[in-house]
C-alpha atoms as a PDB file:
ATOM      1  CA  MET A   1     141.633  63.876 142.747  1.00  0.00           C
ATOM      2  CA  ARG A   2     141.060  64.226 146.306  1.00  0.00           C
ATOM      3  CA  ASP A   3     138.003  66.731 145.667  1.00  0.00           C
ATOM      4  CA  ILE A   4     136.614  64.162 143.355  1.00  0.00           C
ATOM      5  CA  LEU A   5     137.247  61.212 145.417  1.00  0.00           C
ATOM      6  CA  GLU A   6     135.432  63.330 148.367  1.00  0.00           C
ATOM      7  CA  ALA A   7     132.458  64.113 146.216  1.00  0.00           C
ATOM      8  CA  VAL A   8     132.026  60.526 145.516  1.00  0.00           C
ATOM      9  CA  ALA A   9     132.081  59.476 149.132  1.00  0.00           C
ATOM     10  CA  ALA A  10     129.390  62.186 149.678  1.00  0.00           C
ATOM     11  CA  GLY A  11     127.254  61.085 146.871  1.00  0.00           C
ATOM     12  CA  GLU A  12     127.866  64.218 145.224  1.00  0.00           C
ATOM     13  CA  LEU A  13     129.597  62.568 142.134  1.00  0.00           C
ATOM     14  CA  SER A  14     128.593  59.184 140.558  1.00  0.00           C
ATOM     15  CA  PRO A  15     131.563  56.827 139.896  1.00  0.00           C
ATOM     16  CA  ALA A  16     131.101  56.904 135.972  1.00  0.00           C
ATOM     17  CA  ALA A  17     131.584  60.739 136.233  1.00  0.00           C
ATOM     18  CA  ALA A  18     134.190  60.691 138.603  1.00  0.00           C
ATOM     19  CA  GLU A  19     136.193  58.059 136.257  1.00  0.00           C
ATOM     20  CA  ALA A  20     135.078  60.757 133.328  1.00  0.00           C
ATOM     21  CA  GLU A  21     136.935  63.550 135.232  1.00  0.00           C
ATOM     22  CA  LEU A  22     140.081  61.328 135.931  1.00  0.00           C
ATOM     23  CA  ALA A  23     140.400  59.446 132.599  1.00  0.00           C
ATOM     24  CA  GLY A  24     138.458  61.521 130.109  1.00  0.00           C
ATOM     25  CA  TYR A  25     136.420  58.273 129.387  1.00  0.00           C
ATOM     26  CA  ALA A  26     133.750  56.235 131.441  1.00  0.00           C
ATOM     27  CA  THR A  27     133.336  52.558 130.724  1.00  0.00           C
ATOM     28  CA  ASP A  28     129.949  50.937 130.843  1.00  0.00           C
ATOM     29  CA  ASP A  29     128.663  47.442 129.819  1.00  0.00           C
ATOM     30  CA  ALA A  30     128.459  48.718 126.052  1.00  0.00           C
ATOM     31  CA  GLY A  31     132.440  50.330 125.772  1.00  0.00           C
ATOM     32  CA  ARG A  32     133.832  53.208 126.791  1.00  0.00           C
ATOM     33  CA  PHE A  33     132.127  56.772 126.199  1.00  0.00           C
ATOM     34  CA  ASP A  34     134.614  59.474 125.208  1.00  0.00           C
ATOM     35  CA  ALA A  35     133.271  62.123 127.769  1.00  0.00           C
ATOM     36  CA  ALA A  36     136.542  64.485 127.106  1.00  0.00           C
ATOM     37  CA  ARG A  37     135.762  64.752 123.230  1.00  0.00           C
ATOM     38  CA  GLU A  38     134.104  68.136 122.951  1.00  0.00           C
ATOM     39  CA  HIS A  39     136.961  69.441 125.233  1.00  0.00           C
ATOM     40  CA  ARG A  40     139.711  67.760 123.327  1.00  0.00           C
ATOM     41  CA  SER A  41     138.622  68.675 120.056  1.00  0.00           C
ATOM     42  CA  GLY A  42     135.746  70.647 119.928  1.00  0.00           C
ATOM     43  CA  VAL A  43     133.270  67.994 118.792  1.00  0.00           C
ATOM     44  CA  PRO A  44     130.900  66.728 120.917  1.00  0.00           C
ATOM     45  CA  GLU A  45     130.991  62.591 121.354  1.00  0.00           C
ATOM     46  CA  ALA A  46     127.752  60.847 119.831  1.00  0.00           C
ATOM     47  CA  VAL A  47     126.738  57.359 119.911  1.00  0.00           C
ATOM     48  CA  TYR A  48     126.492  55.570 116.946  1.00  0.00           C
ATOM     49  CA  GLY A  49     123.533  53.337 116.641  1.00  0.00           C
ATOM     50  CA  THR A  50     124.536  51.232 113.904  1.00  0.00           C
ATOM     51  CA  GLY A  51     125.899  47.876 114.747  1.00  0.00           C
ATOM     52  CA  LYS A  52     125.038  48.230 118.422  1.00  0.00           C
ATOM     53  CA  THR A  53     121.901  46.070 120.256  1.00  0.00           C
ATOM     54  CA  THR A  54     119.147  48.506 121.683  1.00  0.00           C
ATOM     55  CA  ALA A  55     120.359  47.831 125.062  1.00  0.00           C
ATOM     56  CA  GLU A  56     124.146  48.979 124.307  1.00  0.00           C
ATOM     57  CA  ILE A  57     122.846  52.221 122.725  1.00  0.00           C
ATOM     58  CA  CYS A  58     120.377  52.780 126.178  1.00  0.00           C
ATOM     59  CA  SER A  59     123.514  52.282 128.047  1.00  0.00           C
ATOM     60  CA  LEU A  60     125.677  54.486 126.281  1.00  0.00           C
ATOM     61  CA  VAL A  61     123.163  57.459 126.261  1.00  0.00           C
ATOM     62  CA  GLU A  62     122.687  56.953 130.000  1.00  0.00           C
ATOM     63  CA  THR A  63     126.549  57.120 130.732  1.00  0.00           C
ATOM     64  CA  ALA A  64     126.964  60.164 128.013  1.00  0.00           C
ATOM     65  CA  LEU A  65     123.901  61.954 130.299  1.00  0.00           C
ATOM     66  CA  GLU A  66     125.765  60.898 133.531  1.00  0.00           C
ATOM     67  CA  THR A  67     129.009  62.296 132.353  1.00  0.00           C
ATOM     68  CA  THR A  68     128.349  65.276 130.373  1.00  0.00           C
ATOM     69  CA  GLY A  69     124.728  66.062 130.919  1.00  0.00           C
ATOM     70  CA  ARG A  70     123.831  65.489 127.257  1.00  0.00           C
ATOM     71  CA  ALA A  71     123.513  62.705 125.124  1.00  0.00           C
ATOM     72  CA  ILE A  72     123.586  62.519 121.169  1.00  0.00           C
ATOM     73  CA  ALA A  73     122.558  59.397 119.522  1.00  0.00           C
ATOM     74  CA  THR A  74     122.913  58.822 115.551  1.00  0.00           C
ATOM     75  CA  ARG A  75     121.414  56.515 113.157  1.00  0.00           C
ATOM     76  CA  LEU A  76     118.835  55.011 115.455  1.00  0.00           C
ATOM     77  CA  THR A  77     115.415  53.452 114.173  1.00  0.00           C
ATOM     78  CA  ILE A  78     112.223  54.574 116.251  1.00  0.00           C
ATOM     79  CA  GLU A  79     112.426  51.358 118.024  1.00  0.00           C
ATOM     80  CA  ASP A  80     115.638  52.419 119.250  1.00  0.00           C
ATOM     81  CA  ALA A  81     114.414  55.726 120.189  1.00  0.00           C
ATOM     82  CA  ASN A  82     111.361  54.700 121.794  1.00  0.00           C
ATOM     83  CA  ALA A  83     113.431  52.144 124.279  1.00  0.00           C
ATOM     84  CA  VAL A  84     115.820  54.964 125.282  1.00  0.00           C
ATOM     85  CA  ARG A  85     112.627  56.833 126.168  1.00  0.00           C
ATOM     86  CA  SER A  86     111.677  53.840 128.297  1.00  0.00           C
ATOM     87  CA  ALA A  87     115.114  53.526 129.832  1.00  0.00           C
ATOM     88  CA  LEU A  88     115.437  57.268 130.989  1.00  0.00           C
ATOM     89  CA  ARG A  89     111.970  57.292 132.536  1.00  0.00           C
ATOM     90  CA  PRO A  90     110.690  58.399 135.356  1.00  0.00           C
ATOM     91  CA  ALA A  91     114.299  59.404 136.589  1.00  0.00           C
ATOM     92  CA  PHE A  92     115.034  61.514 133.699  1.00  0.00           C
ATOM     93  CA  SER A  93     113.751  65.313 134.020  1.00  0.00           C
ATOM     94  CA  GLY A  94     115.680  66.576 131.393  1.00  0.00           C
ATOM     95  CA  THR A  95     114.540  67.337 127.624  1.00  0.00           C
ATOM     96  CA  LEU A  96     114.614  64.430 124.869  1.00  0.00           C
ATOM     97  CA  SER A  97     113.947  64.864 121.011  1.00  0.00           C
ATOM     98  CA  PHE A  98     114.443  62.281 118.165  1.00  0.00           C
ATOM     99  CA  ASP A  99     114.353  63.264 114.521  1.00  0.00           C
ATOM    100  CA  GLU A 100     112.915  60.321 112.996  1.00  0.00           C
ATOM    101  CA  ARG A 101     114.049  61.301 109.453  1.00  0.00           C
ATOM    102  CA  ALA A 102     117.651  61.871 110.489  1.00  0.00           C
ATOM    103  CA  GLY A 103     117.684  59.008 113.036  1.00  0.00           C
ATOM    104  CA  VAL A 104     119.174  61.493 115.470  1.00  0.00           C
ATOM    105  CA  LEU A 105     118.481  61.543 119.227  1.00  0.00           C
ATOM    106  CA  ARG A 106     119.485  64.354 121.583  1.00  0.00           C
ATOM    107  CA  ALA A 107     119.036  64.679 125.215  1.00  0.00           C
ATOM    108  CA  HIS A 108     119.850  67.133 127.646  1.00  0.00           C
ATOM    109  CA  ALA A 109     119.690  67.362 131.621  1.00  0.00           C
ATOM    110  CA  GLU A 110     118.011  69.857 133.023  1.00  0.00           C
ATOM    111  CA  ASP A 111     121.201  72.080 133.998  1.00  0.00           C
ATOM    112  CA  PHE A 112     122.791  71.523 130.562  1.00  0.00           C
ATOM    113  CA  GLU A 113     123.780  74.901 129.090  1.00  0.00           C
ATOM    114  CA  ARG A 114     124.613  74.619 125.235  1.00  0.00           C
ATOM    115  CA  ARG A 115     126.948  77.074 123.842  1.00  0.00           C
ATOM    116  CA  ASP A 116     125.540  79.845 121.770  1.00  0.00           C
ATOM    117  CA  LEU A 117     127.798  81.020 119.026  1.00  0.00           C
ATOM    118  CA  ASP A 118     127.836  84.166 117.073  1.00  0.00           C
ATOM    119  CA  ALA A 119     127.863  81.957 113.602  1.00  0.00           C
ATOM    120  CA  THR A 120     125.447  80.581 111.025  1.00  0.00           C
ATOM    121  CA  VAL A 121     125.635  77.611 109.754  1.00  0.00           C
ATOM    122  CA  GLY A 122     123.692  76.973 106.306  1.00  0.00           C
ATOM    123  CA  ILE A 123     122.114  73.367 105.587  1.00  0.00           C
ATOM    124  CA  VAL A 124     121.080  73.306 101.759  1.00  0.00           C
ATOM    125  CA  THR A 125     119.473  70.480 100.193  1.00  0.00           C
ATOM    126  CA  ALA A 126     118.918  69.527  96.539  1.00  0.00           C
ATOM    127  CA  GLY A 127     115.952  67.457  97.122  1.00  0.00           C
ATOM    128  CA  THR A 128     113.665  65.870  99.681  1.00  0.00           C
ATOM    129  CA  ALA A 129     115.325  62.755  99.300  1.00  0.00           C
ATOM    130  CA  ASP A 130     118.689  64.345 100.844  1.00  0.00           C
ATOM    131  CA  GLY A 131     116.828  65.386 104.198  1.00  0.00           C
ATOM    132  CA  GLY A 132     118.325  62.386 106.254  1.00  0.00           C
ATOM    133  CA  PRO A 133     122.223  63.093 106.197  1.00  0.00           C
ATOM    134  CA  ALA A 134     121.378  66.636 105.852  1.00  0.00           C
ATOM    135  CA  GLY A 135     119.122  66.658 109.114  1.00  0.00           C
ATOM    136  CA  GLU A 136     122.183  64.676 111.019  1.00  0.00           C
ATOM    137  CA  ALA A 137     124.568  67.564 110.053  1.00  0.00           C
ATOM    138  CA  ALA A 138     121.921  70.278 111.068  1.00  0.00           C
ATOM    139  CA  ALA A 139     121.575  68.497 114.406  1.00  0.00           C
ATOM    140  CA  ILE A 140     125.552  68.261 115.062  1.00  0.00           C
ATOM    141  CA  ALA A 141     126.336  71.797 114.383  1.00  0.00           C
ATOM    142  CA  SER A 142     123.153  72.990 116.394  1.00  0.00           C
ATOM    143  CA  GLU A 143     124.744  70.945 119.398  1.00  0.00           C
ATOM    144  CA  MET A 144     128.077  72.746 118.964  1.00  0.00           C
ATOM    145  CA  GLY A 145     126.499  76.182 119.391  1.00  0.00           C
ATOM    146  CA  ALA A 146     125.890  77.337 115.918  1.00  0.00           C
ATOM    147  CA  THR A 147     122.453  78.700 113.984  1.00  0.00           C
ATOM    148  CA  VAL A 148     121.225  76.279 111.627  1.00  0.00           C
ATOM    149  CA  LYS A 149     119.164  77.911 108.621  1.00  0.00           C
ATOM    150  CA  ARG A 150     117.590  75.056 106.250  1.00  0.00           C
ATOM    151  CA  ILE A 151     117.373  76.152 102.879  1.00  0.00           C
ATOM    152  CA  ASP A 152     115.701  72.937 101.151  1.00  0.00           C
ATOM    153  CA  ASP A 153     114.483  71.642  97.527  1.00  0.00           C
ATOM    154  CA  VAL A 154     116.943  73.799  95.490  1.00  0.00           C
ATOM    155  CA  GLY A 155     118.689  71.180  93.126  1.00  0.00           C
ATOM    156  CA  VAL A 156     119.838  72.030  89.731  1.00  0.00           C
ATOM    157  CA  ALA A 157     116.748  70.557  87.986  1.00  0.00           C
ATOM    158  CA  GLY A 158     115.046  73.517  88.855  1.00  0.00           C
ATOM    159  CA  ILE A 159     117.913  76.010  89.412  1.00  0.00           C
ATOM    160  CA  HIS A 160     115.560  78.986  89.632  1.00  0.00           C
ATOM    161  CA  ARG A 161     114.844  77.784  93.118  1.00  0.00           C
ATOM    162  CA  LEU A 162     118.362  78.080  94.071  1.00  0.00           C
ATOM    163  CA  PHE A 163     118.420  81.906  92.248  1.00  0.00           C
ATOM    164  CA  ASP A 164     115.512  82.913  94.673  1.00  0.00           C
ATOM    165  CA  SER A 165     117.807  81.731  97.562  1.00  0.00           C
ATOM    166  CA  LEU A 166     121.079  83.307  96.743  1.00  0.00           C
ATOM    167  CA  GLU A 167     120.988  86.279  98.924  1.00  0.00           C
ATOM    168  CA  ASP A 168     120.245  84.232 101.913  1.00  0.00           C
ATOM    169  CA  LEU A 169     122.916  81.872 101.337  1.00  0.00           C
ATOM    170  CA  ARG A 170     125.451  84.627 100.768  1.00  0.00           C
ATOM    171  CA  ALA A 171     124.414  86.064 104.302  1.00  0.00           C
ATOM    172  CA  LEU A 172     125.318  82.774 106.024  1.00  0.00           C
ATOM    173  CA  ASP A 173     128.886  81.611 107.311  1.00  0.00           C
ATOM    174  CA  VAL A 174     129.485  78.244 106.257  1.00  0.00           C
ATOM    175  CA  LEU A 175     127.078  75.975 103.914  1.00  0.00           C
ATOM    176  CA  ILE A 176     126.849  72.402 103.936  1.00  0.00           C
ATOM    177  CA  VAL A 177     125.069  71.411 100.567  1.00  0.00           C
ATOM    178  CA  ALA A 178     124.127  67.757 100.354  1.00  0.00           C
ATOM    179  CA  ALA A 179     122.866  66.357  96.897  1.00  0.00           C
ATOM    180  CA  GLY A 180     122.320  62.798  95.454  1.00  0.00           C
ATOM    181  CA  ARG A 181     122.427  62.065  91.728  1.00  0.00           C
ATOM    182  CA  GLU A 182     125.443  63.407  90.127  1.00  0.00           C
ATOM    183  CA  GLY A 183     125.865  65.727  93.133  1.00  0.00           C
ATOM    184  CA  ALA A 184     125.951  69.190  91.008  1.00  0.00           C
ATOM    185  CA  LEU A 185     124.551  71.590  93.523  1.00  0.00           C
ATOM    186  CA  PRO A 186     127.636  71.926  95.647  1.00  0.00           C
ATOM    187  CA  THR A 187     129.776  73.093  92.578  1.00  0.00           C
ATOM    188  CA  VAL A 188     127.207  75.323  91.568  1.00  0.00           C
ATOM    189  CA  ILE A 189     126.595  76.952  94.780  1.00  0.00           C
ATOM    190  CA  ALA A 190     130.484  77.262  95.350  1.00  0.00           C
ATOM    191  CA  GLY A 191     130.602  79.094  92.279  1.00  0.00           C
ATOM    192  CA  LEU A 192     128.084  81.744  93.398  1.00  0.00           C
ATOM    193  CA  VAL A 193     128.908  82.535  97.188  1.00  0.00           C
ATOM    194  CA  ASP A 194     131.972  83.718  99.121  1.00  0.00           C
ATOM    195  CA  VAL A 195     131.300  81.090 102.006  1.00  0.00           C
ATOM    196  CA  PRO A 196     133.108  78.146 102.648  1.00  0.00           C
ATOM    197  CA  VAL A 197     130.806  75.006 101.183  1.00  0.00           C
ATOM    198  CA  ILE A 198     130.925  71.558 102.739  1.00  0.00           C
ATOM    199  CA  ALA A 199     129.610  69.195  99.955  1.00  0.00           C
ATOM    200  CA  LEU A 200     127.782  66.081 101.434  1.00  0.00           C
ATOM    201  CA  PRO A 201     127.178  63.220  98.938  1.00  0.00           C
ATOM    202  CA  ILE A 202     123.666  61.614  99.215  1.00  0.00           C
ATOM    203  CA  ALA A 203     122.959  58.134  98.458  1.00  0.00           C
ATOM    204  CA  SER A 204     120.293  58.593  95.971  1.00  0.00           C
ATOM    205  CA  GLY A 205     119.903  58.089  92.145  1.00  0.00           C
ATOM    206  CA  TYR A 206     119.593  55.168  89.970  1.00  0.00           C
ATOM    207  CA  GLY A 207     121.556  52.365  88.696  1.00  0.00           C
ATOM    208  CA  VAL A 208     125.389  52.758  88.146  1.00  0.00           C
ATOM    209  CA  GLY A 209     126.802  55.169  90.838  1.00  0.00           C
ATOM    210  CA  GLY A 210     123.286  55.564  92.330  1.00  0.00           C
ATOM    211  CA  ASP A 211     124.192  54.805  95.561  1.00  0.00           C
ATOM    212  CA  GLY A 212     126.342  57.698  96.181  1.00  0.00           C
ATOM    213  CA  GLU A 213     129.566  57.173  94.342  1.00  0.00           C
ATOM    214  CA  ALA A 214     128.740  59.689  91.215  1.00  0.00           C
ATOM    215  CA  ALA A 215     127.587  62.302  93.587  1.00  0.00           C
ATOM    216  CA  LEU A 216     130.663  61.799  95.581  1.00  0.00           C
ATOM    217  CA  PHE A 217     133.110  61.561  92.389  1.00  0.00           C
ATOM    218  CA  GLY A 218     131.493  64.970  90.997  1.00  0.00           C
ATOM    219  CA  MET A 219     132.267  66.595  94.346  1.00  0.00           C
ATOM    220  CA  LEU A 220     135.670  65.640  94.506  1.00  0.00           C
ATOM    221  CA  GLN A 221     136.412  66.565  90.898  1.00  0.00           C
ATOM    222  CA  SER A 222     134.448  70.015  91.271  1.00  0.00           C
ATOM    223  CA  CYS A 223     136.260  72.712  89.555  1.00  0.00           C
ATOM    224  CA  THR A 224     135.092  75.143  92.278  1.00  0.00           C
ATOM    225  CA  ALA A 225     136.637  75.310  95.683  1.00  0.00           C
ATOM    226  CA  LEU A 226     135.015  72.978  98.243  1.00  0.00           C
ATOM    227  CA  THR A 227     135.265  70.077 100.725  1.00  0.00           C
ATOM    228  CA  THR A 228     133.808  67.181 100.125  1.00  0.00           C
ATOM    229  CA  VAL A 229     132.800  64.706 103.245  1.00  0.00           C
ATOM    230  CA  ASN A 230     132.129  60.786 102.522  1.00  0.00           C
ATOM    231  CA  VAL A 231     128.577  59.753 101.052  1.00  0.00           C
ATOM    232  CA  ASP A 232     125.881  60.270 103.806  1.00  0.00           C
ATOM    233  CA  ALA A 233     128.593  61.335 106.488  1.00  0.00           C
ATOM    234  CA  GLY A 234     126.160  64.214 107.784  1.00  0.00           C
ATOM    235  CA  PHE A 235     127.897  64.208 111.295  1.00  0.00           C
ATOM    236  CA  VAL A 236     131.207  64.776 109.585  1.00  0.00           C
ATOM    237  CA  ALA A 237     129.882  67.512 107.458  1.00  0.00           C
ATOM    238  CA  GLY A 238     128.130  69.049 110.847  1.00  0.00           C
ATOM    239  CA  ALA A 239     131.243  68.693 112.883  1.00  0.00           C
ATOM    240  CA  GLN A 240     133.336  70.681 110.412  1.00  0.00           C
ATOM    241  CA  ALA A 241     130.714  73.402 110.118  1.00  0.00           C
ATOM    242  CA  GLY A 242     130.617  73.742 113.891  1.00  0.00           C
ATOM    243  CA  LEU A 243     134.346  74.060 114.128  1.00  0.00           C
ATOM    244  CA  ILE A 244     134.302  76.567 111.521  1.00  0.00           C
ATOM    245  CA  ALA A 245     131.411  78.291 113.333  1.00  0.00           C
ATOM    246  CA  ARG A 246     133.626  78.169 116.799  1.00  0.00           C
ATOM    247  CA  ARG A 247     136.410  79.772 114.954  1.00  0.00           C
ATOM    248  CA  LEU A 248     134.334  82.773 113.619  1.00  0.00           C
ATOM    249  CA  HIS A 249     132.657  83.133 117.043  1.00  0.00           C
ATOM    250  CA  SER A 250     136.034  83.544 118.440  1.00  0.00           C
ATOM    251  CA  ALA A 251     137.276  86.177 116.081  1.00  0.00           C
ATOM    252  CA  ARG A 252     134.095  88.273 116.307  1.00  0.00           C
ATOM    253  CA  ASN A 253     134.602  88.196 120.040  1.00  0.00           C
ATOM    254  CA  ARG A 254     137.913  89.273 120.001  1.00  0.00           C
ATOM    255  CA  GLN A 255     136.939  91.914 117.396  1.00  0.00           C
ATOM    256  CA  ASN A 256     134.298  93.437 119.662  1.00  0.00           C
END
């Protein structure tokens, strides 16, 4: 504790960073940022944009960068992302990227070092409409250190496209399979590969069940072995795949 206090007194550590070191979280006007989440659970903390004002998002992103050297913000609009960019300028000298389709912003301080895992997560989509939550899953798995491989538009309406990719799928360590409509693709894939499959139901389709329920129920009732997350829960799917990747990485390192 004394080292932390002395670092603050010397101007080497900000009060927010010191609070994060001591309490595990940092408090700002927008709430409490869980700076110790990744250390505690293996999953990095993210700023969930839905329901927050642009000013609150900017504040929490700045706190994340100050305390952990990284900021992940999900469910952002392009206006939110532009506001964050403006708020960080000109002092911020790291990197910032925004995936508009997925709504995910990622920022890294210059000295931030992402962990690289010896494990690959496959992100599979049935169709282009599944790209938003699938992109969110890809971003989170990547931030946790996994290599991410995308295999897109291989839905069951044209199942020959899937067959063309089967060998690639079988070579991966864990799969996140996103599908809307009746949600059939994860069930089909899980019956063809010996790889853990995480099913990600998407809110797309027509009429009854078209906002994700049909896909969710179909995946929950799958007769193949798979794990299902909630509708559009890309963050959760990516986090679960990232945790599997971490365990695989540790096992492979022990063997070496």
